[in-house]
């Protein structure tokens, strides 16, 4: 027979567990909101589209059709397309010398690449403080449990002590349950940011290498 979840009992447990559980619940909401927002932002930046248009534009450029390459990237809002298009504009069509065009492209790329790491600091903070809040709740709960044991004296019931310890340890488990998926998400987002940086550096370098070979 399938078991049903007693949401009322779970809510009472959270309320009775004290400020640590309340803080952890708020922290879990923040973590979920950050992860969902970061995924939507990376989708808008084209993190998972493979950069097919950018690669096609670079191949056309290397085949000598610079104008077609630039037109292919105009109006595209993905991170790769914007930065490679900017490199093409400054070096191939803007008339800037290589050193000035490279510096200008690096400045432009740095401003956009910063977006790939937006929100990672708060998520890192969640990973750090969630286990600490859980441990704090456990320590406070253990203190209360042993104080209750001391007050009861010789008439202490071991089952009451066990129940208090169980509730105290719940906060540590809750904190770890928040920190572990948040840590996985943080590592995943950092990996995506590093991959995008590498792909963009590769694309911009191809533009400058082509310009040098073409004698521009």
N, C-alpha and C. Protein backbone atom coordinates (compact mmCIF):
# COMPACT_ATOMS: atom_id res chain seq x y z
N UNK A 1 0.85 -1.19 0.00
CA UNK A 1 0.00 0.00 0.00
C UNK A 1 0.89 1.24 0.00
N UNK A 2 0.70 2.17 -0.92
CA UNK A 2 1.59 3.34 -0.98
C UNK A 2 1.44 4.22 0.23
N UNK A 3 2.58 4.76 0.67
CA UNK A 3 2.58 5.65 1.83
C UNK A 3 2.29 7.07 1.38
N UNK A 4 1.58 7.80 2.23
CA UNK A 4 1.26 9.20 1.94
C UNK A 4 2.13 10.10 2.79
N UNK A 5 2.45 11.26 2.25
CA UNK A 5 3.29 12.21 2.97
C UNK A 5 2.40 13.09 3.84
N UNK A 6 2.75 13.17 5.12
CA UNK A 6 2.01 14.01 6.06
C UNK A 6 2.64 15.40 6.05
N UNK A 7 2.11 16.28 5.20
CA UNK A 7 2.69 17.61 5.06
C UNK A 7 2.49 18.44 6.33
N UNK A 8 1.39 18.21 7.01
CA UNK A 8 1.15 18.96 8.25
C UNK A 8 2.20 18.62 9.30
N UNK A 9 2.53 17.32 9.40
CA UNK A 9 3.54 16.91 10.37
C UNK A 9 4.91 17.46 9.98
N UNK A 10 5.19 17.46 8.69
CA UNK A 10 6.48 18.00 8.23
C UNK A 10 6.57 19.49 8.51
N UNK A 11 5.47 20.20 8.31
CA UNK A 11 5.46 21.64 8.59
C UNK A 11 5.65 21.90 10.08
N UNK A 12 4.98 21.10 10.92
CA UNK A 12 5.15 21.28 12.36
C UNK A 12 6.59 21.01 12.79
N UNK A 13 7.21 20.03 12.15
CA UNK A 13 8.60 19.71 12.47
C UNK A 13 9.52 20.87 12.12
N UNK A 14 9.27 21.50 10.98
CA UNK A 14 10.08 22.65 10.58
C UNK A 14 9.89 23.81 11.54
N UNK A 15 8.63 24.04 11.92
CA UNK A 15 8.34 25.15 12.84
C UNK A 15 8.98 24.91 14.20
N UNK A 16 8.89 23.66 14.68
CA UNK A 16 9.42 23.34 16.01
C UNK A 16 10.93 23.25 16.04
N UNK A 17 11.56 23.05 14.87
CA UNK A 17 13.01 22.84 14.85
C UNK A 17 13.79 24.11 15.11
N UNK A 18 13.17 25.27 14.98
CA UNK A 18 13.84 26.49 15.36
C UNK A 18 14.42 27.29 14.21
N UNK A 19 15.14 28.36 14.55
CA UNK A 19 15.64 29.30 13.54
C UNK A 19 16.56 28.68 12.49
N UNK A 20 17.33 27.67 12.85
CA UNK A 20 18.27 27.08 11.88
C UNK A 20 17.52 26.46 10.71
N UNK A 21 16.44 25.73 10.99
CA UNK A 21 15.65 25.14 9.92
C UNK A 21 14.98 26.22 9.08
N UNK A 22 14.52 27.27 9.74
CA UNK A 22 13.89 28.36 8.99
C UNK A 22 14.91 28.99 8.02
N UNK A 23 16.12 29.25 8.55
CA UNK A 23 17.16 29.84 7.70
C UNK A 23 17.53 28.90 6.56
N UNK A 24 17.60 27.60 6.84
CA UNK A 24 17.95 26.64 5.79
C UNK A 24 16.85 26.54 4.73
N UNK A 25 15.60 26.64 5.16
CA UNK A 25 14.49 26.62 4.20
C UNK A 25 14.56 27.82 3.28
N UNK A 26 14.82 29.00 3.86
CA UNK A 26 14.98 30.20 3.03
C UNK A 26 16.18 30.05 2.09
N UNK A 27 17.25 29.44 2.60
CA UNK A 27 18.45 29.25 1.79
C UNK A 27 18.19 28.29 0.63
N UNK A 28 17.39 27.27 0.87
CA UNK A 28 17.07 26.32 -0.20
C UNK A 28 16.26 27.00 -1.31
N UNK A 29 15.35 27.90 -0.93
CA UNK A 29 14.58 28.65 -1.93
C UNK A 29 15.50 29.54 -2.76
N UNK A 30 16.44 30.20 -2.08
CA UNK A 30 17.40 31.05 -2.79
C UNK A 30 18.24 30.22 -3.75
N UNK A 31 18.70 29.03 -3.31
CA UNK A 31 19.53 28.18 -4.16
C UNK A 31 18.78 27.73 -5.41
N UNK A 32 17.54 27.30 -5.24
CA UNK A 32 16.74 26.87 -6.39
C UNK A 32 16.51 28.04 -7.36
N UNK A 33 16.20 29.22 -6.81
CA UNK A 33 15.98 30.39 -7.65
C UNK A 33 17.25 30.76 -8.43
N UNK A 34 18.41 30.70 -7.77
CA UNK A 34 19.67 31.02 -8.44
C UNK A 34 19.97 30.03 -9.56
N UNK A 35 19.75 28.75 -9.30
CA UNK A 35 20.05 27.72 -10.30
C UNK A 35 19.14 27.89 -11.52
N UNK A 36 17.85 28.10 -11.29
CA UNK A 36 16.92 28.27 -12.41
C UNK A 36 17.23 29.54 -13.20
N UNK A 37 17.55 30.63 -12.48
CA UNK A 37 17.89 31.87 -13.18
C UNK A 37 19.17 31.70 -13.99
N UNK A 38 20.15 30.99 -13.45
CA UNK A 38 21.42 30.82 -14.16
C UNK A 38 21.22 29.97 -15.42
N UNK A 39 20.40 28.93 -15.32
CA UNK A 39 20.14 28.11 -16.50
C UNK A 39 19.46 28.94 -17.59
N UNK A 40 18.47 29.75 -17.21
CA UNK A 40 17.78 30.58 -18.20
C UNK A 40 18.74 31.60 -18.82
N UNK A 41 19.64 32.15 -18.02
CA UNK A 41 20.61 33.12 -18.55
C UNK A 41 21.56 32.46 -19.54
N UNK A 42 22.04 31.27 -19.21
CA UNK A 42 22.96 30.56 -20.11
C UNK A 42 22.26 30.15 -21.41
N UNK A 43 20.98 29.84 -21.32
CA UNK A 43 20.22 29.55 -22.54
C UNK A 43 20.18 30.78 -23.43
N UNK A 44 19.93 31.95 -22.84
CA UNK A 44 19.89 33.18 -23.63
C UNK A 44 21.25 33.51 -24.24
N UNK A 45 22.32 33.16 -23.55
CA UNK A 45 23.66 33.42 -24.05
C UNK A 45 24.12 32.39 -25.07
N UNK A 46 23.30 31.36 -25.29
CA UNK A 46 23.64 30.35 -26.30
C UNK A 46 24.67 29.35 -25.84
N UNK A 47 24.67 29.03 -24.55
CA UNK A 47 25.70 28.13 -24.01
C UNK A 47 25.61 26.73 -24.59
N UNK A 48 24.42 26.31 -25.03
CA UNK A 48 24.24 24.92 -25.48
C UNK A 48 23.88 24.81 -26.96
N UNK A 49 24.01 25.87 -27.70
CA UNK A 49 23.64 25.77 -29.12
C UNK A 49 24.80 25.33 -30.01
N UNK A 50 25.96 25.13 -29.40
CA UNK A 50 27.10 24.60 -30.15
C UNK A 50 27.86 25.63 -30.97
N UNK A 51 27.35 26.85 -31.09
CA UNK A 51 28.05 27.88 -31.86
C UNK A 51 28.15 27.55 -33.34
N UNK A 52 27.12 26.91 -33.88
CA UNK A 52 27.18 26.49 -35.30
C UNK A 52 27.30 27.69 -36.24
N UNK A 53 26.51 28.74 -35.99
CA UNK A 53 26.57 29.92 -36.86
C UNK A 53 27.94 30.58 -36.79
N UNK A 54 28.51 30.63 -35.60
CA UNK A 54 29.83 31.24 -35.45
C UNK A 54 30.90 30.44 -36.20
N UNK A 55 30.84 29.12 -36.07
CA UNK A 55 31.80 28.28 -36.78
C UNK A 55 31.65 28.42 -38.30
N UNK A 56 30.41 28.50 -38.76
CA UNK A 56 30.18 28.67 -40.19
C UNK A 56 30.75 30.01 -40.67
N UNK A 57 30.52 31.06 -39.87
CA UNK A 57 31.04 32.38 -40.23
C UNK A 57 32.57 32.37 -40.27
N UNK A 58 33.19 31.70 -39.32
CA UNK A 58 34.65 31.65 -39.31
C UNK A 58 35.20 30.89 -40.52
N UNK A 59 34.51 29.81 -40.90
CA UNK A 59 34.96 29.07 -42.09
C UNK A 59 34.84 29.93 -43.36
N UNK A 60 33.74 30.68 -43.47
CA UNK A 60 33.58 31.55 -44.63
C UNK A 60 34.63 32.65 -44.65
N UNK A 61 34.94 33.17 -43.48
CA UNK A 61 35.99 34.18 -43.39
C UNK A 61 37.32 33.61 -43.89
N UNK A 62 37.66 32.41 -43.42
CA UNK A 62 38.93 31.79 -43.79
C UNK A 62 38.97 31.41 -45.27
N UNK A 63 37.79 31.27 -45.88
CA UNK A 63 37.72 31.01 -47.32
C UNK A 63 37.78 32.29 -48.15
N UNK A 64 37.83 33.43 -47.44
CA UNK A 64 37.98 34.71 -48.12
C UNK A 64 36.71 35.52 -48.25
N UNK A 65 35.58 34.99 -47.83
CA UNK A 65 34.31 35.71 -47.95
C UNK A 65 34.01 36.43 -46.64
N UNK A 66 34.73 37.52 -46.41
CA UNK A 66 34.62 38.22 -45.13
C UNK A 66 33.26 38.87 -44.95
N UNK A 67 32.73 39.44 -46.01
CA UNK A 67 31.44 40.13 -45.90
C UNK A 67 30.32 39.16 -45.56
N UNK A 68 30.31 37.98 -46.17
CA UNK A 68 29.29 36.98 -45.85
C UNK A 68 29.43 36.51 -44.42
N UNK A 69 30.67 36.39 -43.95
CA UNK A 69 30.90 35.97 -42.57
C UNK A 69 30.34 36.99 -41.59
N UNK A 70 30.57 38.26 -41.87
CA UNK A 70 30.06 39.29 -40.97
C UNK A 70 28.54 39.34 -40.98
N UNK A 71 27.94 39.24 -42.16
CA UNK A 71 26.48 39.28 -42.25
C UNK A 71 25.83 38.11 -41.54
N UNK A 72 26.51 36.97 -41.54
CA UNK A 72 25.95 35.79 -40.88
C UNK A 72 25.82 35.99 -39.38
N UNK A 73 26.70 36.81 -38.81
CA UNK A 73 26.69 37.02 -37.36
C UNK A 73 25.92 38.25 -36.93
N UNK A 74 25.59 39.14 -37.86
CA UNK A 74 24.88 40.36 -37.49
C UNK A 74 23.49 40.02 -36.93
N UNK A 75 23.16 40.66 -35.82
CA UNK A 75 21.85 40.47 -35.21
C UNK A 75 21.75 39.28 -34.28
N UNK A 76 22.76 38.41 -34.25
CA UNK A 76 22.71 37.26 -33.35
C UNK A 76 23.09 37.70 -31.94
N UNK A 77 22.40 37.14 -30.96
CA UNK A 77 22.56 37.60 -29.59
C UNK A 77 23.34 36.62 -28.71
N UNK A 78 23.82 35.54 -29.31
CA UNK A 78 24.59 34.60 -28.50
C UNK A 78 25.97 35.18 -28.20
N UNK A 79 26.57 34.67 -27.14
CA UNK A 79 27.83 35.23 -26.67
C UNK A 79 28.95 35.04 -27.70
N UNK A 80 29.06 33.84 -28.26
CA UNK A 80 30.11 33.59 -29.24
C UNK A 80 29.97 34.51 -30.45
N UNK A 81 28.74 34.60 -30.97
CA UNK A 81 28.51 35.39 -32.18
C UNK A 81 28.84 36.86 -31.95
N UNK A 82 28.44 37.40 -30.81
CA UNK A 82 28.67 38.82 -30.55
C UNK A 82 30.16 39.14 -30.50
N UNK A 83 30.91 38.31 -29.79
CA UNK A 83 32.33 38.62 -29.59
C UNK A 83 33.13 38.38 -30.87
N UNK A 84 32.86 37.29 -31.56
CA UNK A 84 33.57 37.04 -32.82
C UNK A 84 33.20 38.10 -33.85
N UNK A 85 31.94 38.50 -33.89
CA UNK A 85 31.51 39.56 -34.80
C UNK A 85 32.23 40.87 -34.47
N UNK A 86 32.39 41.15 -33.18
CA UNK A 86 33.10 42.37 -32.78
C UNK A 86 34.56 42.32 -33.21
N UNK A 87 35.18 41.13 -33.06
CA UNK A 87 36.58 40.98 -33.49
C UNK A 87 36.70 41.19 -34.99
N UNK A 88 35.76 40.64 -35.76
CA UNK A 88 35.78 40.84 -37.22
C UNK A 88 35.62 42.32 -37.57
N UNK A 89 34.69 42.98 -36.90
CA UNK A 89 34.41 44.39 -37.21
C UNK A 89 35.62 45.26 -36.92
N UNK A 90 36.25 45.06 -35.77
CA UNK A 90 37.37 45.92 -35.39
C UNK A 90 38.62 45.63 -36.21
N UNK A 91 38.87 44.35 -36.51
CA UNK A 91 40.13 44.01 -37.19
C UNK A 91 40.00 44.00 -38.71
N UNK A 92 38.91 43.42 -39.22
CA UNK A 92 38.80 43.26 -40.67
C UNK A 92 38.16 44.46 -41.36
N UNK A 93 37.25 45.14 -40.65
CA UNK A 93 36.50 46.21 -41.30
C UNK A 93 36.72 47.59 -40.65
N UNK A 94 37.26 47.59 -39.43
CA UNK A 94 37.40 48.86 -38.72
C UNK A 94 38.68 49.60 -39.01
N UNK A 95 39.64 48.93 -39.61
CA UNK A 95 40.89 49.60 -39.94
C UNK A 95 41.83 49.79 -38.77
N UNK A 96 41.55 49.16 -37.62
CA UNK A 96 42.44 49.30 -36.48
C UNK A 96 43.66 48.42 -36.65
N UNK A 97 44.82 48.85 -36.16
CA UNK A 97 45.98 47.96 -36.17
C UNK A 97 45.75 46.77 -35.24
N UNK A 98 46.56 45.74 -35.42
CA UNK A 98 46.31 44.50 -34.70
C UNK A 98 46.32 44.68 -33.19
N UNK A 99 47.29 45.40 -32.65
CA UNK A 99 47.39 45.55 -31.21
C UNK A 99 46.17 46.27 -30.64
N UNK A 100 45.74 47.35 -31.30
CA UNK A 100 44.57 48.10 -30.82
C UNK A 100 43.30 47.28 -30.96
N UNK A 101 43.15 46.56 -32.08
CA UNK A 101 41.97 45.73 -32.27
C UNK A 101 41.92 44.60 -31.25
N UNK A 102 43.07 44.01 -30.97
CA UNK A 102 43.11 42.92 -29.99
C UNK A 102 42.72 43.42 -28.60
N UNK A 103 43.26 44.56 -28.20
CA UNK A 103 42.93 45.11 -26.88
C UNK A 103 41.46 45.48 -26.78
N UNK A 104 40.93 46.07 -27.85
CA UNK A 104 39.52 46.46 -27.85
C UNK A 104 38.62 45.23 -27.79
N UNK A 105 38.99 44.18 -28.51
CA UNK A 105 38.20 42.94 -28.47
C UNK A 105 38.27 42.29 -27.10
N UNK A 106 39.44 42.30 -26.48
CA UNK A 106 39.58 41.73 -25.14
C UNK A 106 38.72 42.49 -24.14
N UNK A 107 38.69 43.80 -24.26
CA UNK A 107 37.85 44.61 -23.36
C UNK A 107 36.37 44.27 -23.55
N UNK A 108 35.96 44.18 -24.80
CA UNK A 108 34.56 43.85 -25.10
C UNK A 108 34.21 42.45 -24.62
N UNK A 109 35.11 41.49 -24.87
CA UNK A 109 34.86 40.11 -24.47
C UNK A 109 34.81 39.96 -22.94
N UNK A 110 35.67 40.68 -22.23
CA UNK A 110 35.70 40.57 -20.78
C UNK A 110 34.37 41.02 -20.17
N UNK A 111 33.80 42.09 -20.73
CA UNK A 111 32.52 42.58 -20.22
C UNK A 111 31.41 41.55 -20.42
N UNK A 112 31.42 40.86 -21.55
CA UNK A 112 30.38 39.87 -21.82
C UNK A 112 30.63 38.56 -21.08
N UNK A 113 31.90 38.16 -20.99
CA UNK A 113 32.21 36.90 -20.31
C UNK A 113 31.92 36.98 -18.82
N UNK A 114 31.92 38.20 -18.28
CA UNK A 114 31.58 38.36 -16.87
C UNK A 114 30.16 37.88 -16.60
N UNK A 115 29.30 37.95 -17.61
CA UNK A 115 27.92 37.50 -17.42
C UNK A 115 27.84 36.00 -17.18
N UNK A 116 28.79 35.24 -17.73
CA UNK A 116 28.75 33.79 -17.55
C UNK A 116 29.02 33.40 -16.10
N UNK A 117 29.62 34.30 -15.33
CA UNK A 117 29.91 34.02 -13.92
C UNK A 117 28.98 34.77 -12.96
N UNK A 118 28.04 35.50 -13.52
CA UNK A 118 27.08 36.20 -12.66
C UNK A 118 26.25 35.18 -11.88
N UNK A 119 26.07 35.44 -10.61
CA UNK A 119 25.28 34.56 -9.76
C UNK A 119 26.05 33.40 -9.15
N UNK A 120 27.30 33.19 -9.57
CA UNK A 120 28.06 32.06 -9.03
C UNK A 120 28.56 32.34 -7.61
N UNK A 121 28.87 33.60 -7.31
CA UNK A 121 29.31 33.94 -5.96
C UNK A 121 28.21 33.65 -4.92
N UNK A 122 26.96 34.13 -5.15
CA UNK A 122 25.90 33.78 -4.19
C UNK A 122 25.69 32.27 -4.06
N UNK A 123 25.79 31.55 -5.18
CA UNK A 123 25.61 30.10 -5.11
C UNK A 123 26.75 29.46 -4.32
N UNK A 124 27.95 29.99 -4.48
CA UNK A 124 29.09 29.49 -3.70
C UNK A 124 28.88 29.76 -2.21
N UNK A 125 28.27 30.91 -1.90
CA UNK A 125 27.97 31.23 -0.51
C UNK A 125 26.96 30.24 0.07
N UNK A 126 25.97 29.86 -0.72
CA UNK A 126 25.00 28.86 -0.28
C UNK A 126 25.70 27.54 0.05
N UNK A 127 26.61 27.12 -0.84
CA UNK A 127 27.36 25.88 -0.63
C UNK A 127 28.16 25.93 0.67
N UNK A 128 28.69 27.11 0.99
CA UNK A 128 29.54 27.24 2.17
C UNK A 128 28.74 27.28 3.46
N UNK A 129 27.67 28.07 3.48
CA UNK A 129 26.99 28.29 4.77
C UNK A 129 25.89 27.29 5.07
N UNK A 130 25.37 26.57 4.07
CA UNK A 130 24.30 25.62 4.36
C UNK A 130 24.75 24.53 5.34
N UNK A 131 25.90 23.87 5.15
CA UNK A 131 26.32 22.88 6.15
C UNK A 131 26.62 23.50 7.51
N UNK A 132 27.13 24.74 7.51
CA UNK A 132 27.43 25.40 8.79
C UNK A 132 26.15 25.72 9.56
N UNK A 133 25.12 26.18 8.84
CA UNK A 133 23.84 26.42 9.50
C UNK A 133 23.25 25.12 10.04
N UNK A 134 23.38 24.06 9.24
CA UNK A 134 22.89 22.76 9.71
C UNK A 134 23.62 22.29 10.95
N UNK A 135 24.94 22.48 10.96
CA UNK A 135 25.72 22.08 12.13
C UNK A 135 25.37 22.93 13.34
N UNK A 136 25.14 24.22 13.12
CA UNK A 136 24.74 25.09 14.22
C UNK A 136 23.42 24.62 14.82
N UNK A 137 22.46 24.29 13.94
CA UNK A 137 21.18 23.79 14.45
C UNK A 137 21.34 22.51 15.24
N UNK A 138 22.23 21.62 14.80
CA UNK A 138 22.47 20.37 15.54
C UNK A 138 23.07 20.65 16.90
N UNK A 139 24.05 21.54 16.97
CA UNK A 139 24.69 21.86 18.25
C UNK A 139 23.66 22.45 19.22
N UNK A 140 22.85 23.40 18.71
CA UNK A 140 21.84 24.00 19.58
C UNK A 140 20.82 22.97 20.04
N UNK A 141 20.44 22.06 19.12
CA UNK A 141 19.49 21.02 19.49
C UNK A 141 20.05 20.06 20.51
N UNK A 142 21.33 19.72 20.39
CA UNK A 142 21.97 18.83 21.37
C UNK A 142 22.05 19.49 22.74
N UNK A 143 22.33 20.79 22.73
CA UNK A 143 22.37 21.51 24.01
C UNK A 143 21.01 21.45 24.69
N UNK A 144 19.94 21.70 23.93
CA UNK A 144 18.60 21.63 24.50
C UNK A 144 18.27 20.23 25.00
N UNK A 145 18.68 19.22 24.25
CA UNK A 145 18.37 17.84 24.63
C UNK A 145 19.05 17.47 25.94
N UNK A 146 20.31 17.84 26.07
CA UNK A 146 21.04 17.48 27.30
C UNK A 146 20.61 18.35 28.48
N UNK A 147 20.18 19.57 28.21
CA UNK A 147 19.61 20.37 29.29
C UNK A 147 18.33 19.75 29.81
N UNK A 148 17.49 19.27 28.88
CA UNK A 148 16.26 18.58 29.28
C UNK A 148 16.58 17.32 30.06
N UNK A 149 17.62 16.61 29.67
CA UNK A 149 18.02 15.40 30.40
C UNK A 149 18.48 15.74 31.80
N UNK A 150 19.23 16.84 31.92
CA UNK A 150 19.71 17.25 33.24
C UNK A 150 18.55 17.66 34.14
N UNK A 151 17.57 18.39 33.57
CA UNK A 151 16.45 18.86 34.37
C UNK A 151 15.56 17.71 34.85
N UNK A 152 15.48 16.64 34.04
CA UNK A 152 14.62 15.52 34.41
C UNK A 152 15.24 14.64 35.49
N UNK A 153 16.54 14.73 35.67
CA UNK A 153 17.20 13.99 36.74
C UNK A 153 17.09 12.48 36.56
N UNK A 154 16.79 11.80 37.69
CA UNK A 154 16.77 10.34 37.67
C UNK A 154 15.57 9.80 36.90
N UNK A 155 14.56 10.62 36.69
CA UNK A 155 13.36 10.15 35.99
C UNK A 155 13.46 10.33 34.47
N UNK A 156 14.68 10.54 33.96
CA UNK A 156 14.87 10.80 32.54
C UNK A 156 14.44 9.58 31.72
N UNK A 157 13.78 9.86 30.62
CA UNK A 157 13.35 8.81 29.69
C UNK A 157 14.30 8.81 28.49
N UNK A 158 15.05 7.70 28.28
CA UNK A 158 16.00 7.68 27.16
C UNK A 158 15.33 7.94 25.81
N UNK A 159 14.07 7.57 25.68
CA UNK A 159 13.39 7.80 24.40
C UNK A 159 13.20 9.29 24.14
N UNK A 160 12.98 10.07 25.17
CA UNK A 160 12.88 11.53 24.99
C UNK A 160 14.21 12.11 24.52
N UNK A 161 15.32 11.62 25.11
CA UNK A 161 16.62 12.09 24.70
C UNK A 161 16.91 11.72 23.25
N UNK A 162 16.56 10.48 22.88
CA UNK A 162 16.78 10.04 21.50
C UNK A 162 15.97 10.87 20.52
N UNK A 163 14.74 11.21 20.89
CA UNK A 163 13.92 12.04 20.02
C UNK A 163 14.51 13.41 19.84
N UNK A 164 15.05 13.99 20.93
CA UNK A 164 15.67 15.31 20.83
C UNK A 164 16.91 15.29 19.96
N UNK A 165 17.71 14.24 20.10
CA UNK A 165 18.92 14.13 19.29
C UNK A 165 18.57 13.95 17.81
N UNK A 166 17.54 13.16 17.56
CA UNK A 166 17.10 12.92 16.16
C UNK A 166 16.68 14.23 15.52
N UNK A 167 15.92 15.03 16.24
CA UNK A 167 15.50 16.31 15.69
C UNK A 167 16.68 17.25 15.49
N UNK A 168 17.66 17.18 16.40
CA UNK A 168 18.84 18.03 16.28
C UNK A 168 19.67 17.66 15.05
N UNK A 169 19.83 16.35 14.81
CA UNK A 169 20.62 15.91 13.66
C UNK A 169 19.93 16.20 12.34
N UNK A 170 18.64 16.44 12.37
CA UNK A 170 17.91 16.72 11.15
C UNK A 170 18.44 17.96 10.44
N UNK A 171 18.86 18.96 11.21
CA UNK A 171 19.34 20.20 10.59
C UNK A 171 20.64 19.97 9.82
N UNK A 172 21.51 19.10 10.34
CA UNK A 172 22.74 18.80 9.61
C UNK A 172 22.42 18.11 8.28
N UNK A 173 21.51 17.15 8.32
CA UNK A 173 21.12 16.47 7.08
C UNK A 173 20.48 17.45 6.11
N UNK A 174 19.67 18.35 6.62
CA UNK A 174 19.00 19.34 5.77
C UNK A 174 20.03 20.25 5.11
N UNK A 175 21.02 20.70 5.89
CA UNK A 175 22.06 21.57 5.35
C UNK A 175 22.86 20.87 4.26
N UNK A 176 23.19 19.60 4.48
CA UNK A 176 23.94 18.85 3.46
C UNK A 176 23.08 18.61 2.22
N UNK A 177 21.79 18.38 2.42
CA UNK A 177 20.89 18.17 1.28
C UNK A 177 20.78 19.41 0.41
N UNK A 178 21.00 20.59 0.99
CA UNK A 178 21.01 21.83 0.21
C UNK A 178 22.37 22.03 -0.45
N UNK A 179 23.45 21.79 0.31
CA UNK A 179 24.79 22.10 -0.17
C UNK A 179 25.24 21.19 -1.30
N UNK A 180 24.88 19.91 -1.26
CA UNK A 180 25.38 18.97 -2.26
C UNK A 180 24.88 19.30 -3.67
N UNK A 181 23.56 19.43 -3.90
CA UNK A 181 23.13 19.80 -5.26
C UNK A 181 23.58 21.19 -5.66
N UNK A 182 23.66 22.12 -4.70
CA UNK A 182 24.15 23.46 -5.04
C UNK A 182 25.61 23.41 -5.47
N UNK A 183 26.41 22.56 -4.83
CA UNK A 183 27.81 22.40 -5.21
C UNK A 183 27.94 21.78 -6.60
N UNK A 184 27.10 20.79 -6.89
CA UNK A 184 27.11 20.18 -8.22
C UNK A 184 26.76 21.22 -9.29
N UNK A 185 25.72 22.01 -9.01
CA UNK A 185 25.31 23.05 -9.97
C UNK A 185 26.41 24.09 -10.16
N UNK A 186 27.07 24.47 -9.06
CA UNK A 186 28.14 25.47 -9.14
C UNK A 186 29.29 24.96 -10.02
N UNK A 187 29.69 23.70 -9.81
CA UNK A 187 30.77 23.12 -10.63
C UNK A 187 30.36 23.05 -12.09
N UNK A 188 29.13 22.69 -12.35
CA UNK A 188 28.61 22.61 -13.71
C UNK A 188 28.64 23.97 -14.39
N UNK A 189 28.16 25.01 -13.70
CA UNK A 189 28.15 26.35 -14.27
C UNK A 189 29.56 26.87 -14.52
N UNK A 190 30.49 26.59 -13.61
CA UNK A 190 31.87 27.02 -13.80
C UNK A 190 32.49 26.34 -15.01
N UNK A 191 32.17 25.06 -15.20
CA UNK A 191 32.66 24.34 -16.37
C UNK A 191 32.14 24.93 -17.67
N UNK A 192 30.86 25.31 -17.67
CA UNK A 192 30.28 25.94 -18.86
C UNK A 192 30.94 27.29 -19.15
N UNK A 193 31.18 28.08 -18.10
CA UNK A 193 31.83 29.38 -18.27
C UNK A 193 33.23 29.22 -18.84
N UNK A 194 33.98 28.23 -18.33
CA UNK A 194 35.33 28.00 -18.84
C UNK A 194 35.30 27.54 -20.30
N UNK A 195 34.33 26.68 -20.64
CA UNK A 195 34.23 26.21 -22.02
C UNK A 195 33.90 27.36 -22.97
N UNK A 196 32.97 28.22 -22.56
CA UNK A 196 32.62 29.37 -23.40
C UNK A 196 33.82 30.30 -23.59
N UNK A 197 34.56 30.52 -22.51
CA UNK A 197 35.74 31.38 -22.62
C UNK A 197 36.75 30.80 -23.62
N UNK A 198 36.97 29.49 -23.54
CA UNK A 198 37.91 28.85 -24.46
C UNK A 198 37.43 28.96 -25.91
N UNK A 199 36.15 28.70 -26.14
CA UNK A 199 35.62 28.76 -27.51
C UNK A 199 35.69 30.17 -28.08
N UNK A 200 35.42 31.17 -27.23
CA UNK A 200 35.46 32.56 -27.69
C UNK A 200 36.89 32.99 -27.98
N UNK A 201 37.83 32.61 -27.11
CA UNK A 201 39.23 32.93 -27.35
C UNK A 201 39.71 32.29 -28.65
N UNK A 202 39.28 31.06 -28.89
CA UNK A 202 39.66 30.37 -30.12
C UNK A 202 39.10 31.09 -31.35
N UNK A 203 37.82 31.50 -31.29
CA UNK A 203 37.21 32.20 -32.42
C UNK A 203 37.87 33.53 -32.70
N UNK A 204 38.14 34.32 -31.65
CA UNK A 204 38.78 35.63 -31.84
C UNK A 204 40.20 35.47 -32.37
N UNK A 205 40.90 34.45 -31.87
CA UNK A 205 42.26 34.21 -32.36
C UNK A 205 42.27 33.87 -33.84
N UNK A 206 41.28 33.08 -34.28
CA UNK A 206 41.19 32.75 -35.70
C UNK A 206 41.00 33.99 -36.56
N UNK A 207 40.24 34.95 -36.03
CA UNK A 207 40.04 36.21 -36.77
C UNK A 207 41.36 36.94 -36.93
N UNK A 208 42.15 37.05 -35.86
CA UNK A 208 43.41 37.80 -35.92
C UNK A 208 44.46 37.05 -36.75
N UNK A 209 44.46 35.72 -36.67
CA UNK A 209 45.40 34.95 -37.49
C UNK A 209 45.07 35.12 -38.97
N UNK A 210 43.79 35.08 -39.30
CA UNK A 210 43.38 35.28 -40.70
C UNK A 210 43.78 36.66 -41.18
N UNK A 211 43.55 37.69 -40.34
CA UNK A 211 43.89 39.05 -40.75
C UNK A 211 45.40 39.17 -41.01
N UNK A 212 46.21 38.52 -40.19
CA UNK A 212 47.66 38.57 -40.38
C UNK A 212 48.06 37.88 -41.68
N UNK A 213 47.46 36.73 -41.94
CA UNK A 213 47.79 35.99 -43.17
C UNK A 213 47.34 36.75 -44.42
N UNK A 214 46.21 37.47 -44.28
CA UNK A 214 45.68 38.22 -45.42
C UNK A 214 46.40 39.56 -45.62
N UNK A 215 47.29 39.89 -44.69
CA UNK A 215 48.05 41.14 -44.80
C UNK A 215 47.24 42.37 -44.49
N UNK A 216 46.21 42.22 -43.63
CA UNK A 216 45.35 43.37 -43.30
C UNK A 216 45.93 44.15 -42.13
